[in-house]
N, C-alpha and C. Protein backbone atom coordinates (compact mmCIF):
# COMPACT_ATOMS: atom_id res chain seq x y z
N MET A 1 12.36 -9.53 -4.20
CA MET A 1 12.79 -8.16 -4.38
C MET A 1 12.77 -7.46 -3.03
N ASN A 2 13.89 -6.94 -2.61
CA ASN A 2 14.00 -6.25 -1.33
C ASN A 2 13.89 -4.75 -1.56
N LYS A 3 12.87 -4.13 -1.01
CA LYS A 3 12.64 -2.70 -1.21
C LYS A 3 12.92 -1.94 0.06
N ASN A 4 13.65 -0.85 -0.06
CA ASN A 4 13.84 0.06 1.06
C ASN A 4 12.57 0.90 1.15
N LEU A 5 11.82 0.79 2.23
CA LEU A 5 10.52 1.44 2.33
C LEU A 5 10.61 2.96 2.30
N GLN A 6 11.78 3.53 2.57
CA GLN A 6 11.92 4.98 2.46
C GLN A 6 11.85 5.42 1.00
N HIS A 7 12.07 4.52 0.08
CA HIS A 7 12.09 4.83 -1.34
C HIS A 7 10.89 4.21 -2.07
N TYR A 8 9.84 3.92 -1.33
CA TYR A 8 8.71 3.21 -1.91
C TYR A 8 7.41 3.73 -1.32
N HIS A 9 6.49 4.10 -2.18
CA HIS A 9 5.15 4.51 -1.75
C HIS A 9 4.15 3.73 -2.60
N ALA A 10 3.13 3.19 -1.97
CA ALA A 10 2.07 2.49 -2.68
C ALA A 10 0.74 3.11 -2.28
N TYR A 11 -0.10 3.36 -3.26
CA TYR A 11 -1.42 3.93 -3.01
C TYR A 11 -2.43 3.30 -3.96
N LEU A 12 -3.66 3.23 -3.51
CA LEU A 12 -4.78 2.91 -4.38
C LEU A 12 -5.38 4.23 -4.80
N LEU A 13 -5.43 4.50 -6.09
CA LEU A 13 -5.96 5.75 -6.62
C LEU A 13 -7.39 5.56 -7.07
N ARG A 14 -8.27 6.45 -6.62
CA ARG A 14 -9.64 6.51 -7.12
C ARG A 14 -9.83 7.91 -7.69
N ILE A 15 -10.36 7.99 -8.90
CA ILE A 15 -10.56 9.28 -9.54
C ILE A 15 -11.94 9.29 -10.21
N TRP A 16 -12.67 10.38 -10.04
CA TRP A 16 -14.03 10.47 -10.56
C TRP A 16 -14.44 11.93 -10.69
N ARG A 17 -15.55 12.16 -11.37
CA ARG A 17 -16.19 13.47 -11.35
C ARG A 17 -17.69 13.27 -11.24
N GLU A 18 -18.31 14.19 -10.56
CA GLU A 18 -19.74 14.07 -10.25
C GLU A 18 -20.60 14.15 -11.52
N GLU A 19 -20.24 15.06 -12.42
CA GLU A 19 -20.99 15.24 -13.67
C GLU A 19 -20.03 15.65 -14.77
N GLU A 20 -20.45 15.47 -16.01
CA GLU A 20 -19.68 15.93 -17.15
C GLU A 20 -19.37 17.42 -17.00
N GLY A 21 -18.14 17.80 -17.23
CA GLY A 21 -17.75 19.20 -17.12
C GLY A 21 -17.33 19.62 -15.72
N MET A 22 -17.57 18.80 -14.73
CA MET A 22 -17.15 19.11 -13.35
C MET A 22 -15.68 18.71 -13.19
N PRO A 23 -15.01 19.31 -12.20
CA PRO A 23 -13.60 18.93 -12.01
C PRO A 23 -13.46 17.49 -11.52
N TRP A 24 -12.33 16.88 -11.88
CA TRP A 24 -12.02 15.55 -11.40
C TRP A 24 -11.66 15.62 -9.93
N ARG A 25 -12.06 14.65 -9.16
CA ARG A 25 -11.71 14.51 -7.75
C ARG A 25 -10.95 13.20 -7.60
N ALA A 26 -10.22 13.08 -6.51
CA ALA A 26 -9.40 11.88 -6.34
C ALA A 26 -9.21 11.56 -4.86
N THR A 27 -8.96 10.30 -4.58
CA THR A 27 -8.49 9.87 -3.27
C THR A 27 -7.32 8.93 -3.50
N LEU A 28 -6.39 8.99 -2.56
CA LEU A 28 -5.29 8.03 -2.50
C LEU A 28 -5.41 7.32 -1.17
N GLN A 29 -5.36 6.00 -1.20
CA GLN A 29 -5.43 5.23 0.03
C GLN A 29 -4.15 4.40 0.17
N ASN A 30 -3.53 4.51 1.33
CA ASN A 30 -2.34 3.72 1.64
C ASN A 30 -2.82 2.30 1.97
N PRO A 31 -2.44 1.30 1.19
CA PRO A 31 -2.94 -0.05 1.43
C PRO A 31 -2.37 -0.69 2.70
N HIS A 32 -1.27 -0.15 3.22
CA HIS A 32 -0.66 -0.70 4.42
C HIS A 32 -1.34 -0.21 5.69
N THR A 33 -1.76 1.08 5.68
CA THR A 33 -2.34 1.68 6.89
C THR A 33 -3.83 1.96 6.77
N GLY A 34 -4.35 2.00 5.54
CA GLY A 34 -5.74 2.37 5.33
C GLY A 34 -5.96 3.87 5.33
N GLU A 35 -4.91 4.64 5.64
CA GLU A 35 -5.03 6.10 5.65
C GLU A 35 -5.38 6.59 4.25
N GLN A 36 -6.28 7.58 4.21
CA GLN A 36 -6.78 8.08 2.94
C GLN A 36 -6.60 9.59 2.85
N GLU A 37 -6.22 10.07 1.68
CA GLU A 37 -6.10 11.50 1.39
C GLU A 37 -7.08 11.83 0.28
N GLY A 38 -7.80 12.93 0.42
CA GLY A 38 -8.75 13.35 -0.59
C GLY A 38 -8.28 14.61 -1.30
N PHE A 39 -8.63 14.73 -2.58
CA PHE A 39 -8.21 15.85 -3.40
C PHE A 39 -9.38 16.38 -4.22
N ALA A 40 -9.55 17.70 -4.20
CA ALA A 40 -10.65 18.33 -4.94
C ALA A 40 -10.29 18.59 -6.39
N SER A 41 -9.02 18.38 -6.75
CA SER A 41 -8.60 18.59 -8.14
C SER A 41 -7.39 17.72 -8.45
N VAL A 42 -7.15 17.53 -9.73
CA VAL A 42 -5.98 16.78 -10.17
C VAL A 42 -4.71 17.52 -9.77
N GLU A 43 -4.75 18.85 -9.80
CA GLU A 43 -3.58 19.64 -9.41
C GLU A 43 -3.19 19.37 -7.95
N GLN A 44 -4.18 19.28 -7.07
CA GLN A 44 -3.89 18.97 -5.66
C GLN A 44 -3.26 17.58 -5.53
N LEU A 45 -3.77 16.63 -6.29
CA LEU A 45 -3.23 15.27 -6.30
C LEU A 45 -1.77 15.29 -6.74
N ILE A 46 -1.47 15.98 -7.82
CA ILE A 46 -0.11 16.06 -8.34
C ILE A 46 0.80 16.76 -7.34
N ASN A 47 0.32 17.81 -6.70
CA ASN A 47 1.12 18.51 -5.69
C ASN A 47 1.46 17.59 -4.52
N PHE A 48 0.52 16.76 -4.11
CA PHE A 48 0.75 15.80 -3.03
C PHE A 48 1.86 14.81 -3.42
N ILE A 49 1.76 14.29 -4.64
CA ILE A 49 2.76 13.33 -5.11
C ILE A 49 4.12 14.01 -5.23
N ARG A 50 4.14 15.24 -5.73
CA ARG A 50 5.40 15.98 -5.81
C ARG A 50 6.02 16.17 -4.43
N ALA A 51 5.20 16.53 -3.46
CA ALA A 51 5.70 16.74 -2.10
C ALA A 51 6.29 15.44 -1.55
N LYS A 52 5.64 14.32 -1.79
CA LYS A 52 6.16 13.03 -1.32
C LYS A 52 7.49 12.70 -1.99
N THR A 53 7.58 12.91 -3.29
CA THR A 53 8.81 12.55 -4.00
C THR A 53 9.90 13.59 -3.79
N ASP A 54 9.56 14.86 -3.66
CA ASP A 54 10.57 15.89 -3.38
C ASP A 54 11.22 15.66 -2.03
N SER A 55 10.42 15.33 -1.01
CA SER A 55 10.99 15.10 0.32
C SER A 55 11.87 13.85 0.31
N ALA A 56 11.52 12.86 -0.49
CA ALA A 56 12.35 11.66 -0.59
C ALA A 56 13.66 11.97 -1.29
N GLU A 57 13.62 12.83 -2.32
CA GLU A 57 14.84 13.20 -3.03
C GLU A 57 15.75 14.02 -2.13
N GLY A 58 15.17 14.91 -1.32
CA GLY A 58 15.96 15.72 -0.40
C GLY A 58 16.68 14.86 0.62
N ALA A 59 16.02 13.80 1.08
CA ALA A 59 16.64 12.90 2.06
C ALA A 59 17.82 12.15 1.44
N ASN A 60 17.73 11.87 0.14
CA ASN A 60 18.82 11.16 -0.53
C ASN A 60 20.07 12.01 -0.69
N GLN A 61 19.91 13.33 -0.71
CA GLN A 61 21.03 14.22 -0.95
C GLN A 61 21.80 14.54 0.32
N GLU A 62 21.30 14.17 1.46
CA GLU A 62 21.97 14.49 2.74
C GLU A 62 23.12 13.55 3.01
């Protein structure tokens, strides 16, 4: 399978919470570079993913 890397993102997702009732936290790690992004909430995680996919969609429309 030949993938155009501009249209492909891979991450290792870790999600946890410190205690019951506390907000969920998350990290995404790029397995190719080891670069890691941390998120204090699920909303921040979703916003990050939206930003990655929105910018990719914008590039396709040019």
